[in-house]
Amino acid sequence: MSALEDVKDVLRDTLQLGARADAFDASTPLFGSLPEFDSMAVVTVITALEERFDFVVDDDEITAEVFETVGSLAEFVESKT
């Protein structure tokens, strides 16, 4: 499975998006565009990604650019694995 598909799965599960996540692609905007994706959801998604992929996200790695789109989040995951 690709990082993009893995990230979509994490978003689907943590934000309870159901089938809506199936339509996501790399250019789908996240923070500020999805009502479910607020600052608290960022923490939940980070925790889920850390657990699923067995890496640690440092505080200084949490930037708006990382959470701009599904693709930018997938690229971040790829860089950590």
PDB file of N, CA and C in Angstrom:
ATOM      1  N   MET A   1       0.856  -1.182   0.000  1.00  0.00           N
ATOM      2  CA  MET A   1       0.000   0.000   0.000  1.00  0.00           C
ATOM      3  C   MET A   1       0.897   1.240   0.000  1.00  0.00           C
ATOM      4  N   SER A   2       0.487   2.248  -0.726  1.00  0.00           N
ATOM      5  CA  SER A   2       1.284   3.469  -0.813  1.00  0.00           C
ATOM      6  C   SER A   2       1.085   4.336   0.420  1.00  0.00           C
ATOM      7  N   ALA A   3       2.011   5.245   0.626  1.00  0.00           N
ATOM      8  CA  ALA A   3       1.899   6.172   1.762  1.00  0.00           C
ATOM      9  C   ALA A   3       0.620   6.988   1.647  1.00  0.00           C
ATOM     10  N   LEU A   4       0.251   7.353   0.418  1.00  0.00           N
ATOM     11  CA  LEU A   4      -0.976   8.138   0.223  1.00  0.00           C
ATOM     12  C   LEU A   4      -2.191   7.353   0.707  1.00  0.00           C
ATOM     13  N   GLU A   5      -2.265   6.082   0.331  1.00  0.00           N
ATOM     14  CA  GLU A   5      -3.396   5.248   0.764  1.00  0.00           C
ATOM     15  C   GLU A   5      -3.371   5.024   2.269  1.00  0.00           C
ATOM     16  N   ASP A   6      -2.189   4.836   2.822  1.00  0.00           N
ATOM     17  CA  ASP A   6      -2.061   4.669   4.273  1.00  0.00           C
ATOM     18  C   ASP A   6      -2.535   5.925   5.011  1.00  0.00           C
ATOM     19  N   VAL A   7      -2.138   7.084   4.517  1.00  0.00           N
ATOM     20  CA  VAL A   7      -2.555   8.346   5.146  1.00  0.00           C
ATOM     21  C   VAL A   7      -4.069   8.516   5.030  1.00  0.00           C
ATOM     22  N   LYS A   8      -4.629   8.171   3.886  1.00  0.00           N
ATOM     23  CA  LYS A   8      -6.093   8.246   3.737  1.00  0.00           C
ATOM     24  C   LYS A   8      -6.784   7.343   4.757  1.00  0.00           C
ATOM     25  N   ASP A   9      -6.232   6.155   4.971  1.00  0.00           N
ATOM     26  CA  ASP A   9      -6.804   5.236   5.964  1.00  0.00           C
ATOM     27  C   ASP A   9      -6.753   5.840   7.368  1.00  0.00           C
ATOM     28  N   VAL A  10      -5.617   6.428   7.724  1.00  0.00           N
ATOM     29  CA  VAL A  10      -5.487   7.044   9.048  1.00  0.00           C
ATOM     30  C   VAL A  10      -6.475   8.198   9.183  1.00  0.00           C
ATOM     31  N   LEU A  11      -6.588   9.032   8.170  1.00  0.00           N
ATOM     32  CA  LEU A  11      -7.543  10.148   8.216  1.00  0.00           C
ATOM     33  C   LEU A  11      -8.975   9.637   8.317  1.00  0.00           C
ATOM     34  N   ARG A  12      -9.296   8.603   7.545  1.00  0.00           N
ATOM     35  CA  ARG A  12     -10.647   8.023   7.578  1.00  0.00           C
ATOM     36  C   ARG A  12     -10.979   7.545   8.989  1.00  0.00           C
ATOM     37  N   ASP A  13     -10.036   6.836   9.605  1.00  0.00           N
ATOM     38  CA  ASP A  13     -10.292   6.254  10.912  1.00  0.00           C
ATOM     39  C   ASP A  13     -10.292   7.293  12.030  1.00  0.00           C
ATOM     40  N   THR A  14      -9.304   8.179  12.041  1.00  0.00           N
ATOM     41  CA  THR A  14      -9.176   9.111  13.158  1.00  0.00           C
ATOM     42  C   THR A  14     -10.199  10.234  13.104  1.00  0.00           C
ATOM     43  N   LEU A  15     -10.569  10.651  11.892  1.00  0.00           N
ATOM     44  CA  LEU A  15     -11.538  11.753  11.757  1.00  0.00           C
ATOM     45  C   LEU A  15     -12.947  11.243  11.497  1.00  0.00           C
ATOM     46  N   GLN A  16     -13.097   9.923  11.438  1.00  0.00           N
ATOM     47  CA  GLN A  16     -14.392   9.285  11.193  1.00  0.00           C
ATOM     48  C   GLN A  16     -15.049   9.838   9.926  1.00  0.00           C
ATOM     49  N   LEU A  17     -14.291   9.803   8.831  1.00  0.00           N
ATOM     50  CA  LEU A  17     -14.754  10.360   7.562  1.00  0.00           C
ATOM     51  C   LEU A  17     -15.518   9.356   6.716  1.00  0.00           C
ATOM     52  N   GLY A  18     -15.392   8.088   7.022  1.00  0.00           N
ATOM     53  CA  GLY A  18     -16.091   7.077   6.238  1.00  0.00           C
ATOM     54  C   GLY A  18     -15.694   7.125   4.772  1.00  0.00           C
ATOM     55  N   ALA A  19     -16.663   6.942   3.900  1.00  0.00           N
ATOM     56  CA  ALA A  19     -16.416   6.876   2.463  1.00  0.00           C
ATOM     57  C   ALA A  19     -15.933   8.197   1.878  1.00  0.00           C
ATOM     58  N   ARG A  20     -16.118   9.301   2.584  1.00  0.00           N
ATOM     59  CA  ARG A  20     -15.635  10.594   2.071  1.00  0.00           C
ATOM     60  C   ARG A  20     -14.140  10.553   1.783  1.00  0.00           C
ATOM     61  N   ALA A  21     -13.395   9.803   2.586  1.00  0.00           N
ATOM     62  CA  ALA A  21     -11.943   9.724   2.408  1.00  0.00           C
ATOM     63  C   ALA A  21     -11.559   9.016   1.114  1.00  0.00           C
ATOM     64  N   ASP A  22     -12.452   8.205   0.553  1.00  0.00           N
ATOM     65  CA  ASP A  22     -12.153   7.498  -0.692  1.00  0.00           C
ATOM     66  C   ASP A  22     -11.909   8.472  -1.842  1.00  0.00           C
ATOM     67  N   ALA A  23     -12.525   9.629  -1.790  1.00  0.00           N
ATOM     68  CA  ALA A  23     -12.396  10.623  -2.863  1.00  0.00           C
ATOM     69  C   ALA A  23     -11.144  11.486  -2.713  1.00  0.00           C
ATOM     70  N   PHE A  24     -10.428  11.348  -1.615  1.00  0.00           N
ATOM     71  CA  PHE A  24      -9.230  12.155  -1.392  1.00  0.00           C
ATOM     72  C   PHE A  24      -8.135  11.765  -2.379  1.00  0.00           C
ATOM     73  N   ASP A  25      -7.408  12.764  -2.847  1.00  0.00           N
ATOM     74  CA  ASP A  25      -6.194  12.511  -3.616  1.00  0.00           C
ATOM     75  C   ASP A  25      -5.098  13.406  -3.053  1.00  0.00           C
ATOM     76  N   ALA A  26      -3.942  13.417  -3.681  1.00  0.00           N
ATOM     77  CA  ALA A  26      -2.800  14.149  -3.141  1.00  0.00           C
ATOM     78  C   ALA A  26      -3.069  15.645  -3.007  1.00  0.00           C
ATOM     79  N   SER A  27      -3.947  16.179  -3.831  1.00  0.00           N
ATOM     80  CA  SER A  27      -4.200  17.629  -3.786  1.00  0.00           C
ATOM     81  C   SER A  27      -5.351  18.030  -2.869  1.00  0.00           C
ATOM     82  N   THR A  28      -5.965  17.071  -2.197  1.00  0.00           N
ATOM     83  CA  THR A  28      -7.078  17.386  -1.300  1.00  0.00           C
ATOM     84  C   THR A  28      -6.577  18.206  -0.118  1.00  0.00           C
ATOM     85  N   PRO A  29      -7.122  19.419   0.060  1.00  0.00           N
ATOM     86  CA  PRO A  29      -6.678  20.258   1.182  1.00  0.00           C
ATOM     87  C   PRO A  29      -7.159  19.697   2.520  1.00  0.00           C
ATOM     88  N   LEU A  30      -6.348  19.895   3.550  1.00  0.00           N
ATOM     89  CA  LEU A  30      -6.682  19.391   4.882  1.00  0.00           C
ATOM     90  C   LEU A  30      -6.972  20.532   5.856  1.00  0.00           C
ATOM     91  N   PHE A  31      -5.931  20.959   6.569  1.00  0.00           N
ATOM     92  CA  PHE A  31      -6.128  21.924   7.656  1.00  0.00           C
ATOM     93  C   PHE A  31      -6.763  23.211   7.135  1.00  0.00           C
ATOM     94  N   GLY A  32      -7.878  23.580   7.722  1.00  0.00           N
ATOM     95  CA  GLY A  32      -8.600  24.769   7.304  1.00  0.00           C
ATOM     96  C   GLY A  32      -9.660  24.497   6.253  1.00  0.00           C
ATOM     97  N   SER A  33      -9.644  23.295   5.679  1.00  0.00           N
ATOM     98  CA  SER A  33     -10.621  22.959   4.641  1.00  0.00           C
ATOM     99  C   SER A  33     -11.605  21.874   5.075  1.00  0.00           C
ATOM    100  N   LEU A  34     -11.141  20.954   5.890  1.00  0.00           N
ATOM    101  CA  LEU A  34     -12.027  19.921   6.435  1.00  0.00           C
ATOM    102  C   LEU A  34     -12.488  20.349   7.814  1.00  0.00           C
ATOM    103  N   PRO A  35     -13.790  20.457   8.021  1.00  0.00           N
ATOM    104  CA  PRO A  35     -14.266  20.875   9.345  1.00  0.00           C
ATOM    105  C   PRO A  35     -13.788  19.960  10.468  1.00  0.00           C
ATOM    106  N   GLU A  36     -13.612  18.671  10.163  1.00  0.00           N
ATOM    107  CA  GLU A  36     -13.183  17.706  11.170  1.00  0.00           C
ATOM    108  C   GLU A  36     -11.705  17.856  11.529  1.00  0.00           C
ATOM    109  N   PHE A  37     -10.947  18.546  10.681  1.00  0.00           N
ATOM    110  CA  PHE A  37      -9.502  18.610  10.855  1.00  0.00           C
ATOM    111  C   PHE A  37      -9.110  19.925  11.520  1.00  0.00           C
ATOM    112  N   ASP A  38      -9.338  19.972  12.821  1.00  0.00           N
ATOM    113  CA  ASP A  38      -8.988  21.156  13.607  1.00  0.00           C
ATOM    114  C   ASP A  38      -7.693  20.886  14.365  1.00  0.00           C
ATOM    115  N   SER A  39      -7.310  21.804  15.225  1.00  0.00           N
ATOM    116  CA  SER A  39      -6.033  21.658  15.923  1.00  0.00           C
ATOM    117  C   SER A  39      -5.990  20.408  16.815  1.00  0.00           C
ATOM    118  N   MET A  40      -7.098  20.049  17.407  1.00  0.00           N
ATOM    119  CA  MET A  40      -7.125  18.829  18.216  1.00  0.00           C
ATOM    120  C   MET A  40      -6.996  17.587  17.339  1.00  0.00           C
ATOM    121  N   ALA A  41      -7.579  17.630  16.156  1.00  0.00           N
ATOM    122  CA  ALA A  41      -7.491  16.500  15.234  1.00  0.00           C
ATOM    123  C   ALA A  41      -6.055  16.303  14.754  1.00  0.00           C
ATOM    124  N   VAL A  42      -5.307  17.396  14.624  1.00  0.00           N
ATOM    125  CA  VAL A  42      -3.896  17.288  14.222  1.00  0.00           C
ATOM    126  C   VAL A  42      -3.157  16.391  15.209  1.00  0.00           C
ATOM    127  N   VAL A  43      -3.373  16.614  16.486  1.00  0.00           N
ATOM    128  CA  VAL A  43      -2.712  15.810  17.519  1.00  0.00           C
ATOM    129  C   VAL A  43      -3.128  14.345  17.397  1.00  0.00           C
ATOM    130  N   THR A  44      -4.397  14.101  17.179  1.00  0.00           N
ATOM    131  CA  THR A  44      -4.905  12.737  17.044  1.00  0.00           C
ATOM    132  C   THR A  44      -4.311  12.053  15.821  1.00  0.00           C
ATOM    133  N   VAL A  45      -4.231  12.774  14.712  1.00  0.00           N
ATOM    134  CA  VAL A  45      -3.674  12.209  13.481  1.00  0.00           C
ATOM    135  C   VAL A  45      -2.181  11.919  13.661  1.00  0.00           C
ATOM    136  N   ILE A  46      -1.461  12.844  14.275  1.00  0.00           N
ATOM    137  CA  ILE A  46      -0.031  12.624  14.515  1.00  0.00           C
ATOM    138  C   ILE A  46       0.179  11.370  15.355  1.00  0.00           C
ATOM    139  N   THR A  47      -0.583  11.229  16.416  1.00  0.00           N
ATOM    140  CA  THR A  47      -0.471  10.053  17.283  1.00  0.00           C
ATOM    141  C   THR A  47      -0.762   8.776  16.505  1.00  0.00           C
ATOM    142  N   ALA A  48      -1.809   8.801  15.685  1.00  0.00           N
ATOM    143  CA  ALA A  48      -2.163   7.623  14.887  1.00  0.00           C
ATOM    144  C   ALA A  48      -1.064   7.280  13.888  1.00  0.00           C
ATOM    145  N   LEU A  49      -0.472   8.297  13.255  1.00  0.00           N
ATOM    146  CA  LEU A  49       0.619   8.057  12.313  1.00  0.00           C
ATOM    147  C   LEU A  49       1.842   7.485  13.025  1.00  0.00           C
ATOM    148  N   GLU A  50       2.160   8.035  14.198  1.00  0.00           N
ATOM    149  CA  GLU A  50       3.304   7.528  14.969  1.00  0.00           C
ATOM    150  C   GLU A  50       3.116   6.060  15.325  1.00  0.00           C
ATOM    151  N   GLU A  51       1.902   5.708  15.738  1.00  0.00           N
ATOM    152  CA  GLU A  51       1.630   4.323  16.132  1.00  0.00           C
ATOM    153  C   GLU A  51       1.639   3.388  14.931  1.00  0.00           C
ATOM    154  N   ARG A  52       1.034   3.817  13.844  1.00  0.00           N
ATOM    155  CA  ARG A  52       0.926   2.952  12.662  1.00  0.00           C
ATOM    156  C   ARG A  52       2.280   2.708  12.000  1.00  0.00           C
ATOM    157  N   PHE A  53       3.097   3.755  11.919  1.00  0.00           N
ATOM    158  CA  PHE A  53       4.353   3.652  11.179  1.00  0.00           C
ATOM    159  C   PHE A  53       5.583   3.553  12.075  1.00  0.00           C
ATOM    160  N   ASP A  54       5.373   3.574  13.376  1.00  0.00           N
ATOM    161  CA  ASP A  54       6.449   3.411  14.351  1.00  0.00           C
ATOM    162  C   ASP A  54       7.568   4.437  14.168  1.00  0.00           C
ATOM    163  N   PHE A  55       7.176   5.708  14.145  1.00  0.00           N
ATOM    164  CA  PHE A  55       8.150   6.801  14.153  1.00  0.00           C
ATOM    165  C   PHE A  55       7.689   7.851  15.138  1.00  0.00           C
ATOM    166  N   VAL A  56       8.545   8.829  15.399  1.00  0.00           N
ATOM    167  CA  VAL A  56       8.230   9.904  16.337  1.00  0.00           C
ATOM    168  C   VAL A  56       8.263  11.226  15.577  1.00  0.00           C
ATOM    169  N   VAL A  57       7.257  12.052  15.808  1.00  0.00           N
ATOM    170  CA  VAL A  57       7.192  13.372  15.199  1.00  0.00           C
ATOM    171  C   VAL A  57       7.628  14.385  16.254  1.00  0.00           C
ATOM    172  N   ASP A  58       8.686  15.115  15.959  1.00  0.00           N
ATOM    173  CA  ASP A  58       9.152  16.167  16.854  1.00  0.00           C
ATOM    174  C   ASP A  58       8.271  17.400  16.712  1.00  0.00           C
ATOM    175  N   ASP A  59       8.161  18.168  17.786  1.00  0.00           N
ATOM    176  CA  ASP A  59       7.312  19.361  17.775  1.00  0.00           C
ATOM    177  C   ASP A  59       7.661  20.314  16.641  1.00  0.00           C
ATOM    178  N   ASP A  60       8.945  20.457  16.347  1.00  0.00           N
ATOM    179  CA  ASP A  60       9.345  21.405  15.308  1.00  0.00           C
ATOM    180  C   ASP A  60       9.045  20.905  13.895  1.00  0.00           C
ATOM    181  N   GLU A  61       8.595  19.653  13.765  1.00  0.00           N
ATOM    182  CA  GLU A  61       8.206  19.107  12.464  1.00  0.00           C
ATOM    183  C   GLU A  61       6.736  19.365  12.153  1.00  0.00           C
ATOM    184  N   ILE A  62       5.994  19.820  13.137  1.00  0.00           N
ATOM    185  CA  ILE A  62       4.566  20.052  12.952  1.00  0.00           C
ATOM    186  C   ILE A  62       4.379  21.460  12.390  1.00  0.00           C
ATOM    187  N   THR A  63       4.205  21.512  11.066  1.00  0.00           N
ATOM    188  CA  THR A  63       4.046  22.793  10.388  1.00  0.00           C
ATOM    189  C   THR A  63       2.772  22.792   9.550  1.00  0.00           C
ATOM    190  N   ALA A  64       2.333  23.977   9.196  1.00  0.00           N
ATOM    191  CA  ALA A  64       1.151  24.107   8.342  1.00  0.00           C
ATOM    192  C   ALA A  64       1.386  23.440   6.987  1.00  0.00           C
ATOM    193  N   GLU A  65       2.628  23.482   6.495  1.00  0.00           N
ATOM    194  CA  GLU A  65       2.934  22.892   5.192  1.00  0.00           C
ATOM    195  C   GLU A  65       2.724  21.379   5.199  1.00  0.00           C
ATOM    196  N   VAL A  66       3.083  20.735   6.289  1.00  0.00           N
ATOM    197  CA  VAL A  66       2.916  19.282   6.379  1.00  0.00           C
ATOM    198  C   VAL A  66       1.443  18.913   6.284  1.00  0.00           C
ATOM    199  N   PHE A  67       0.586  19.709   6.880  1.00  0.00           N
ATOM    200  CA  PHE A  67      -0.841  19.391   6.942  1.00  0.00           C
ATOM    201  C   PHE A  67      -1.670  20.174   5.928  1.00  0.00           C
ATOM    202  N   GLU A  68      -1.006  20.702   4.906  1.00  0.00           N
ATOM    203  CA  GLU A  68      -1.710  21.479   3.881  1.00  0.00           C
ATOM    204  C   GLU A  68      -2.615  20.598   3.020  1.00  0.00           C
ATOM    205  N   THR A  69      -2.080  19.471   2.552  1.00  0.00           N
ATOM    206  CA  THR A  69      -2.845  18.558   1.694  1.00  0.00           C
ATOM    207  C   THR A  69      -2.598  17.114   2.117  1.00  0.00           C
ATOM    208  N   VAL A  70      -3.419  16.234   1.581  1.00  0.00           N
ATOM    209  CA  VAL A  70      -3.212  14.809   1.824  1.00  0.00           C
ATOM    210  C   VAL A  70      -1.842  14.400   1.273  1.00  0.00           C
ATOM    211  N   GLY A  71      -1.468  14.944   0.130  1.00  0.00           N
ATOM    212  CA  GLY A  71      -0.187  14.627  -0.481  1.00  0.00           C
ATOM    213  C   GLY A  71       1.000  15.094   0.344  1.00  0.00           C
ATOM    214  N   SER A  72       0.903  16.301   0.897  1.00  0.00           N
ATOM    215  CA  SER A  72       2.022  16.799   1.711  1.00  0.00           C
ATOM    216  C   SER A  72       2.161  15.977   2.975  1.00  0.00           C
ATOM    217  N   LEU A  73       1.056  15.511   3.537  1.00  0.00           N
ATOM    218  CA  LEU A  73       1.118  14.647   4.717  1.00  0.00           C
ATOM    219  C   LEU A  73       1.718  13.295   4.346  1.00  0.00           C
ATOM    220  N   ALA A  74       1.344  12.766   3.179  1.00  0.00           N
ATOM    221  CA  ALA A  74       1.904  11.480   2.722  1.00  0.00           C
ATOM    222  C   ALA A  74       3.418  11.619   2.474  1.00  0.00           C
ATOM    223  N   GLU A  75       3.844  12.727   1.910  1.00  0.00           N
ATOM    224  CA  GLU A  75       5.276  12.959   1.689  1.00  0.00           C
ATOM    225  C   GLU A  75       6.026  13.013   3.018  1.00  0.00           C
ATOM    226  N   PHE A  76       5.417  13.639   4.016  1.00  0.00           N
ATOM    227  CA  PHE A  76       6.022  13.685   5.335  1.00  0.00           C
ATOM    228  C   PHE A  76       6.174  12.278   5.909  1.00  0.00           C
ATOM    229  N   VAL A  77       5.129  11.478   5.788  1.00  0.00           N
ATOM    230  CA  VAL A  77       5.182  10.092   6.284  1.00  0.00           C
ATOM    231  C   VAL A  77       6.293   9.330   5.574  1.00  0.00           C
ATOM    232  N   GLU A  78       6.377   9.481   4.249  1.00  0.00           N
ATOM    233  CA  GLU A  78       7.432   8.798   3.488  1.00  0.00           C
ATOM    234  C   GLU A  78       8.814   9.205   3.969  1.00  0.00           C
ATOM    235  N   SER A  79       8.975  10.486   4.315  1.00  0.00           N
ATOM    236  CA  SER A  79      10.286  10.955   4.765  1.00  0.00           C
ATOM    237  C   SER A  79      10.663  10.409   6.142  1.00  0.00           C
ATOM    238  N   LYS A  80       9.663   9.995   6.916  1.00  0.00           N
ATOM    239  CA  LYS A  80       9.903   9.482   8.263  1.00  0.00           C
ATOM    240  C   LYS A  80      10.085   7.962   8.291  1.00  0.00           C
ATOM    241  N   THR A  81       9.668   7.286   7.229  1.00  0.00           N
ATOM    242  CA  THR A  81       9.728   5.816   7.235  1.00  0.00           C
ATOM    243  C   THR A  81      10.885   5.302   6.413  1.00  0.00           C
TER     244      THR A  81
END
